[in-house]
Amino acid sequence: MTELEELVARFPGWSIWRSRAGDRPGDWYATRRGHRISQAEVVAGVCMTVAAPTLDELGHVLDQQTDRPMAQ
C-alpha cells in the first residue's frame, strides 16, 4: 500500500490530491467531504481544506484536524 493509499484509508471523510506548480508537482491538499463546517467550528480551528508540502506532513495536519471539536 502506498503512503497516499494509507492516508485515504485513514481519513475516509477527506478528498486528498496534489496540486501542480507549473510543470512540477506541488503541495498536497485535503478537503472534507460530506460536512459543511460552521462558524463555531472555524473558531475552534476546524478547516474545510488543509495543505502540506509532503504526504507525511499532510497526515500530521489531518491528525490534528481529527482532534478538533466538530458540531453534531
PDB file of N, CA and C in Angstrom:
ATOM      1  N   MET A   1       0.843  -1.175   0.000  1.00  0.00           N
ATOM      2  CA  MET A   1       0.000   0.000   0.000  1.00  0.00           C
ATOM      3  C   MET A   1       0.893   1.245   0.000  1.00  0.00           C
ATOM      4  N   THR A   2       0.578   2.199  -0.847  1.00  0.00           N
ATOM      5  CA  THR A   2       1.377   3.426  -0.916  1.00  0.00           C
ATOM      6  C   THR A   2       1.012   4.356   0.241  1.00  0.00           C
ATOM      7  N   GLU A   3       1.847   5.345   0.457  1.00  0.00           N
ATOM      8  CA  GLU A   3       1.585   6.333   1.510  1.00  0.00           C
ATOM      9  C   GLU A   3       0.257   7.056   1.251  1.00  0.00           C
ATOM     10  N   LEU A   4      -0.021   7.368  -0.015  1.00  0.00           N
ATOM     11  CA  LEU A   4      -1.279   8.021  -0.364  1.00  0.00           C
ATOM     12  C   LEU A   4      -2.460   7.092  -0.047  1.00  0.00           C
ATOM     13  N   GLU A   5      -2.376   5.830  -0.420  1.00  0.00           N
ATOM     14  CA  GLU A   5      -3.448   4.874  -0.136  1.00  0.00           C
ATOM     15  C   GLU A   5      -3.681   4.735   1.365  1.00  0.00           C
ATOM     16  N   GLU A   6      -2.611   4.757   2.138  1.00  0.00           N
ATOM     17  CA  GLU A   6      -2.737   4.671   3.592  1.00  0.00           C
ATOM     18  C   GLU A   6      -3.485   5.880   4.145  1.00  0.00           C
ATOM     19  N   LEU A   7      -3.149   7.087   3.652  1.00  0.00           N
ATOM     20  CA  LEU A   7      -3.837   8.292   4.111  1.00  0.00           C
ATOM     21  C   LEU A   7      -5.315   8.262   3.732  1.00  0.00           C
ATOM     22  N   VAL A   8      -5.614   7.862   2.521  1.00  0.00           N
ATOM     23  CA  VAL A   8      -7.003   7.772   2.069  1.00  0.00           C
ATOM     24  C   VAL A   8      -7.778   6.805   2.965  1.00  0.00           C
ATOM     25  N   ALA A   9      -7.170   5.688   3.335  1.00  0.00           N
ATOM     26  CA  ALA A   9      -7.825   4.714   4.201  1.00  0.00           C
ATOM     27  C   ALA A   9      -8.004   5.250   5.626  1.00  0.00           C
ATOM     28  N   ARG A  10      -7.025   6.001   6.124  1.00  0.00           N
ATOM     29  CA  ARG A  10      -7.089   6.548   7.487  1.00  0.00           C
ATOM     30  C   ARG A  10      -8.082   7.684   7.614  1.00  0.00           C
ATOM     31  N   PHE A  11      -8.297   8.423   6.522  1.00  0.00           N
ATOM     32  CA  PHE A  11      -9.149   9.615   6.568  1.00  0.00           C
ATOM     33  C   PHE A  11     -10.219   9.548   5.475  1.00  0.00           C
ATOM     34  N   PRO A  12     -11.204   8.659   5.637  1.00  0.00           N
ATOM     35  CA  PRO A  12     -12.199   8.464   4.580  1.00  0.00           C
ATOM     36  C   PRO A  12     -13.108   9.663   4.343  1.00  0.00           C
ATOM     37  N   GLY A  13     -13.188  10.589   5.276  1.00  0.00           N
ATOM     38  CA  GLY A  13     -14.035  11.764   5.108  1.00  0.00           C
ATOM     39  C   GLY A  13     -13.365  12.907   4.368  1.00  0.00           C
ATOM     40  N   TRP A  14     -12.202  12.638   3.804  1.00  0.00           N
ATOM     41  CA  TRP A  14     -11.420  13.672   3.121  1.00  0.00           C
ATOM     42  C   TRP A  14     -11.091  13.246   1.690  1.00  0.00           C
ATOM     43  N   SER A  15     -11.090  14.204   0.778  1.00  0.00           N
ATOM     44  CA  SER A  15     -10.558  14.002  -0.577  1.00  0.00           C
ATOM     45  C   SER A  15      -9.127  14.520  -0.558  1.00  0.00           C
ATOM     46  N   ILE A  16      -8.190  13.708  -1.011  1.00  0.00           N
ATOM     47  CA  ILE A  16      -6.766  14.068  -0.973  1.00  0.00           C
ATOM     48  C   ILE A  16      -6.239  14.133  -2.396  1.00  0.00           C
ATOM     49  N   TRP A  17      -5.532  15.213  -2.688  1.00  0.00           N
ATOM     50  CA  TRP A  17      -4.963  15.369  -4.028  1.00  0.00           C
ATOM     51  C   TRP A  17      -3.716  16.231  -3.968  1.00  0.00           C
ATOM     52  N   ARG A  18      -2.990  16.243  -5.083  1.00  0.00           N
ATOM     53  CA  ARG A  18      -1.757  17.028  -5.194  1.00  0.00           C
ATOM     54  C   ARG A  18      -1.933  18.078  -6.273  1.00  0.00           C
ATOM     55  N   SER A  19      -1.495  19.289  -5.956  1.00  0.00           N
ATOM     56  CA  SER A  19      -1.567  20.380  -6.931  1.00  0.00           C
ATOM     57  C   SER A  19      -0.378  20.319  -7.891  1.00  0.00           C
ATOM     58  N   ARG A  20      -0.397  21.200  -8.864  1.00  0.00           N
ATOM     59  CA  ARG A  20       0.717  21.318  -9.807  1.00  0.00           C
ATOM     60  C   ARG A  20       1.308  22.717  -9.655  1.00  0.00           C
ATOM     61  N   ALA A  21       2.615  22.801  -9.737  1.00  0.00           N
ATOM     62  CA  ALA A  21       3.333  24.079  -9.702  1.00  0.00           C
ATOM     63  C   ALA A  21       4.034  24.210 -11.051  1.00  0.00           C
ATOM     64  N   GLY A  22       3.297  24.735 -12.027  1.00  0.00           N
ATOM     65  CA  GLY A  22       3.846  24.780 -13.382  1.00  0.00           C
ATOM     66  C   GLY A  22       3.927  23.376 -13.932  1.00  0.00           C
ATOM     67  N   ASP A  23       5.129  22.936 -14.246  1.00  0.00           N
ATOM     68  CA  ASP A  23       5.301  21.582 -14.783  1.00  0.00           C
ATOM     69  C   ASP A  23       5.773  20.591 -13.717  1.00  0.00           C
ATOM     70  N   ARG A  24       5.744  21.019 -12.458  1.00  0.00           N
ATOM     71  CA  ARG A  24       6.188  20.156 -11.360  1.00  0.00           C
ATOM     72  C   ARG A  24       5.035  19.874 -10.397  1.00  0.00           C
ATOM     73  N   PRO A  25       5.115  18.784  -9.645  1.00  0.00           N
ATOM     74  CA  PRO A  25       4.115  18.531  -8.603  1.00  0.00           C
ATOM     75  C   PRO A  25       4.201  19.604  -7.518  1.00  0.00           C
ATOM     76  N   GLY A  26       3.054  19.968  -6.976  1.00  0.00           N
ATOM     77  CA  GLY A  26       3.000  20.982  -5.925  1.00  0.00           C
ATOM     78  C   GLY A  26       2.693  20.360  -4.571  1.00  0.00           C
ATOM     79  N   ASP A  27       2.038  21.137  -3.724  1.00  0.00           N
ATOM     80  CA  ASP A  27       1.688  20.684  -2.381  1.00  0.00           C
ATOM     81  C   ASP A  27       0.540  19.678  -2.411  1.00  0.00           C
ATOM     82  N   TRP A  28       0.365  18.989  -1.290  1.00  0.00           N
ATOM     83  CA  TRP A  28      -0.734  18.054  -1.093  1.00  0.00           C
ATOM     84  C   TRP A  28      -1.864  18.775  -0.372  1.00  0.00           C
ATOM     85  N   TYR A  29      -3.100  18.480  -0.758  1.00  0.00           N
ATOM     86  CA  TYR A  29      -4.284  19.096  -0.172  1.00  0.00           C
ATOM     87  C   TYR A  29      -5.277  18.021   0.240  1.00  0.00           C
ATOM     88  N   ALA A  30      -6.106  18.364   1.231  1.00  0.00           N
ATOM     89  CA  ALA A  30      -7.220  17.502   1.630  1.00  0.00           C
ATOM     90  C   ALA A  30      -8.413  18.405   1.917  1.00  0.00           C
ATOM     91  N   THR A  31      -9.572  18.014   1.407  1.00  0.00           N
ATOM     92  CA  THR A  31     -10.816  18.749   1.617  1.00  0.00           C
ATOM     93  C   THR A  31     -11.854  17.804   2.203  1.00  0.00           C
ATOM     94  N   ARG A  32     -12.566  18.297   3.191  1.00  0.00           N
ATOM     95  CA  ARG A  32     -13.630  17.487   3.814  1.00  0.00           C
ATOM     96  C   ARG A  32     -14.714  17.161   2.807  1.00  0.00           C
ATOM     97  N   ARG A  33     -15.278  15.977   2.939  1.00  0.00           N
ATOM     98  CA  ARG A  33     -16.417  15.557   2.115  1.00  0.00           C
ATOM     99  C   ARG A  33     -17.613  15.329   3.035  1.00  0.00           C
ATOM    100  N   GLY A  34     -18.773  15.791   2.600  1.00  0.00           N
ATOM    101  CA  GLY A  34     -19.996  15.478   3.315  1.00  0.00           C
ATOM    102  C   GLY A  34     -20.236  16.239   4.596  1.00  0.00           C
ATOM    103  N   HIS A  35     -19.468  17.294   4.873  1.00  0.00           N
ATOM    104  CA  HIS A  35     -19.676  18.083   6.084  1.00  0.00           C
ATOM    105  C   HIS A  35     -19.326  19.534   5.819  1.00  0.00           C
ATOM    106  N   ARG A  36     -20.292  20.406   5.972  1.00  0.00           N
ATOM    107  CA  ARG A  36     -20.027  21.849   5.880  1.00  0.00           C
ATOM    108  C   ARG A  36     -19.731  22.335   7.285  1.00  0.00           C
ATOM    109  N   ILE A  37     -18.612  22.996   7.475  1.00  0.00           N
ATOM    110  CA  ILE A  37     -18.244  23.437   8.817  1.00  0.00           C
ATOM    111  C   ILE A  37     -18.979  24.728   9.175  1.00  0.00           C
ATOM    112  N   SER A  38     -19.260  24.867  10.462  1.00  0.00           N
ATOM    113  CA  SER A  38     -19.962  26.039  10.975  1.00  0.00           C
ATOM    114  C   SER A  38     -18.953  27.111  11.402  1.00  0.00           C
ATOM    115  N   GLN A  39     -19.459  28.292  11.691  1.00  0.00           N
ATOM    116  CA  GLN A  39     -18.592  29.369  12.180  1.00  0.00           C
ATOM    117  C   GLN A  39     -17.956  28.969  13.509  1.00  0.00           C
ATOM    118  N   ALA A  40     -18.710  28.292  14.369  1.00  0.00           N
ATOM    119  CA  ALA A  40     -18.160  27.842  15.650  1.00  0.00           C
ATOM    120  C   ALA A  40     -17.005  26.867  15.442  1.00  0.00           C
ATOM    121  N   GLU A  41     -17.133  26.003  14.450  1.00  0.00           N
ATOM    122  CA  GLU A  41     -16.052  25.062  14.148  1.00  0.00           C
ATOM    123  C   GLU A  41     -14.825  25.801  13.613  1.00  0.00           C
ATOM    124  N   VAL A  42     -15.047  26.809  12.783  1.00  0.00           N
ATOM    125  CA  VAL A  42     -13.920  27.612  12.277  1.00  0.00           C
ATOM    126  C   VAL A  42     -13.184  28.250  13.441  1.00  0.00           C
ATOM    127  N   VAL A  43     -13.935  28.816  14.387  1.00  0.00           N
ATOM    128  CA  VAL A  43     -13.327  29.438  15.568  1.00  0.00           C
ATOM    129  C   VAL A  43     -12.530  28.408  16.369  1.00  0.00           C
ATOM    130  N   ALA A  44     -13.013  27.159  16.385  1.00  0.00           N
ATOM    131  CA  ALA A  44     -12.329  26.089  17.121  1.00  0.00           C
ATOM    132  C   ALA A  44     -11.132  25.516  16.358  1.00  0.00           C
ATOM    133  N   GLY A  45     -10.888  26.015  15.134  1.00  0.00           N
ATOM    134  CA  GLY A  45      -9.730  25.560  14.372  1.00  0.00           C
ATOM    135  C   GLY A  45     -10.011  24.472  13.359  1.00  0.00           C
ATOM    136  N   VAL A  46     -11.284  24.165  13.143  1.00  0.00           N
ATOM    137  CA  VAL A  46     -11.656  23.168  12.145  1.00  0.00           C
ATOM    138  C   VAL A  46     -11.517  23.797  10.756  1.00  0.00           C
ATOM    139  N   CYS A  47     -10.904  23.086   9.833  1.00  0.00           N
ATOM    140  CA  CYS A  47     -10.688  23.592   8.469  1.00  0.00           C
ATOM    141  C   CYS A  47     -11.438  22.740   7.456  1.00  0.00           C
ATOM    142  N   MET A  48     -11.935  23.375   6.433  1.00  0.00           N
ATOM    143  CA  MET A  48     -12.584  22.659   5.335  1.00  0.00           C
ATOM    144  C   MET A  48     -11.530  22.043   4.416  1.00  0.00           C
ATOM    145  N   THR A  49     -10.443  22.776   4.192  1.00  0.00           N
ATOM    146  CA  THR A  49      -9.332  22.319   3.348  1.00  0.00           C
ATOM    147  C   THR A  49      -8.023  22.604   4.067  1.00  0.00           C
ATOM    148  N   VAL A  50      -7.108  21.649   4.002  1.00  0.00           N
ATOM    149  CA  VAL A  50      -5.774  21.811   4.589  1.00  0.00           C
ATOM    150  C   VAL A  50      -4.726  21.479   3.535  1.00  0.00           C
ATOM    151  N   ALA A  51      -3.506  21.950   3.747  1.00  0.00           N
ATOM    152  CA  ALA A  51      -2.423  21.723   2.788  1.00  0.00           C
ATOM    153  C   ALA A  51      -1.120  21.470   3.525  1.00  0.00           C
ATOM    154  N   ALA A  52      -0.218  20.761   2.840  1.00  0.00           N
ATOM    155  CA  ALA A  52       1.123  20.499   3.358  1.00  0.00           C
ATOM    156  C   ALA A  52       2.034  20.147   2.183  1.00  0.00           C
ATOM    157  N   PRO A  53       3.330  20.382   2.326  1.00  0.00           N
ATOM    158  CA  PRO A  53       4.244  20.103   1.215  1.00  0.00           C
ATOM    159  C   PRO A  53       4.516  18.621   0.972  1.00  0.00           C
ATOM    160  N   THR A  54       4.307  17.777   1.991  1.00  0.00           N
ATOM    161  CA  THR A  54       4.540  16.340   1.823  1.00  0.00           C
ATOM    162  C   THR A  54       3.340  15.557   2.355  1.00  0.00           C
ATOM    163  N   LEU A  55       3.204  14.310   1.932  1.00  0.00           N
ATOM    164  CA  LEU A  55       2.128  13.456   2.436  1.00  0.00           C
ATOM    165  C   LEU A  55       2.279  13.196   3.928  1.00  0.00           C
ATOM    166  N   ASP A  56       3.505  13.037   4.388  1.00  0.00           N
ATOM    167  CA  ASP A  56       3.738  12.814   5.811  1.00  0.00           C
ATOM    168  C   ASP A  56       3.223  13.998   6.622  1.00  0.00           C
ATOM    169  N   GLU A  57       3.552  15.204   6.190  1.00  0.00           N
ATOM    170  CA  GLU A  57       3.087  16.399   6.888  1.00  0.00           C
ATOM    171  C   GLU A  57       1.573  16.547   6.781  1.00  0.00           C
ATOM    172  N   LEU A  58       1.006  16.190   5.636  1.00  0.00           N
ATOM    173  CA  LEU A  58      -0.447  16.244   5.490  1.00  0.00           C
ATOM    174  C   LEU A  58      -1.109  15.286   6.484  1.00  0.00           C
ATOM    175  N   GLY A  59      -0.533  14.127   6.677  1.00  0.00           N
ATOM    176  CA  GLY A  59      -1.051  13.186   7.665  1.00  0.00           C
ATOM    177  C   GLY A  59      -1.076  13.784   9.066  1.00  0.00           C
ATOM    178  N   HIS A  60      -0.031  14.525   9.425  1.00  0.00           N
ATOM    179  CA  HIS A  60       0.020  15.178  10.741  1.00  0.00           C
ATOM    180  C   HIS A  60      -1.074  16.238  10.858  1.00  0.00           C
ATOM    181  N   VAL A  61      -1.267  17.008   9.798  1.00  0.00           N
ATOM    182  CA  VAL A  61      -2.309  18.038   9.799  1.00  0.00           C
ATOM    183  C   VAL A  61      -3.688  17.384   9.938  1.00  0.00           C
ATOM    184  N   LEU A  62      -3.916  16.294   9.222  1.00  0.00           N
ATOM    185  CA  LEU A  62      -5.203  15.607   9.308  1.00  0.00           C
ATOM    186  C   LEU A  62      -5.408  14.999  10.694  1.00  0.00           C
ATOM    187  N   ASP A  63      -4.356  14.498  11.313  1.00  0.00           N
ATOM    188  CA  ASP A  63      -4.461  14.014  12.694  1.00  0.00           C
ATOM    189  C   ASP A  63      -4.896  15.147  13.616  1.00  0.00           C
ATOM    190  N   GLN A  64      -4.314  16.325  13.445  1.00  0.00           N
ATOM    191  CA  GLN A  64      -4.689  17.481  14.259  1.00  0.00           C
ATOM    192  C   GLN A  64      -6.149  17.861  14.025  1.00  0.00           C
ATOM    193  N   GLN A  65      -6.596  17.798  12.785  1.00  0.00           N
ATOM    194  CA  GLN A  65      -7.989  18.125  12.481  1.00  0.00           C
ATOM    195  C   GLN A  65      -8.942  17.122  13.123  1.00  0.00           C
ATOM    196  N   THR A  66      -8.533  15.882  13.212  1.00  0.00           N
ATOM    197  CA  THR A  66      -9.353  14.849  13.837  1.00  0.00           C
ATOM    198  C   THR A  66      -9.575  15.167  15.308  1.00  0.00           C
ATOM    199  N   ASP A  67      -8.616  15.831  15.937  1.00  0.00           N
ATOM    200  CA  ASP A  67      -8.713  16.179  17.353  1.00  0.00           C
ATOM    201  C   ASP A  67      -9.568  17.420  17.611  1.00  0.00           C
ATOM    202  N   ARG A  68      -9.950  18.150  16.574  1.00  0.00           N
ATOM    203  CA  ARG A  68     -10.752  19.363  16.738  1.00  0.00           C
ATOM    204  C   ARG A  68     -12.212  19.003  16.993  1.00  0.00           C
ATOM    205  N   PRO A  69     -12.895  19.807  17.839  1.00  0.00           N
ATOM    206  CA  PRO A  69     -14.313  19.529  18.091  1.00  0.00           C
ATOM    207  C   PRO A  69     -15.175  19.825  16.878  1.00  0.00           C
ATOM    208  N   MET A  70     -16.039  18.886  16.541  1.00  0.00           N
ATOM    209  CA  MET A  70     -16.960  19.041  15.403  1.00  0.00           C
ATOM    210  C   MET A  70     -18.375  19.154  15.936  1.00  0.00           C
ATOM    211  N   ALA A  71     -19.191  19.987  15.307  1.00  0.00           N
ATOM    212  CA  ALA A  71     -20.607  20.086  15.665  1.00  0.00           C
ATOM    213  C   ALA A  71     -21.327  18.811  15.246  1.00  0.00           C
ATOM    214  N   GLN A  72     -22.323  18.473  15.952  1.00  0.00           N
ATOM    215  CA  GLN A  72     -23.098  17.268  15.631  1.00  0.00           C
ATOM    216  C   GLN A  72     -24.291  17.591  14.784  1.00  0.00           C
TER     217      GLN A  72
END
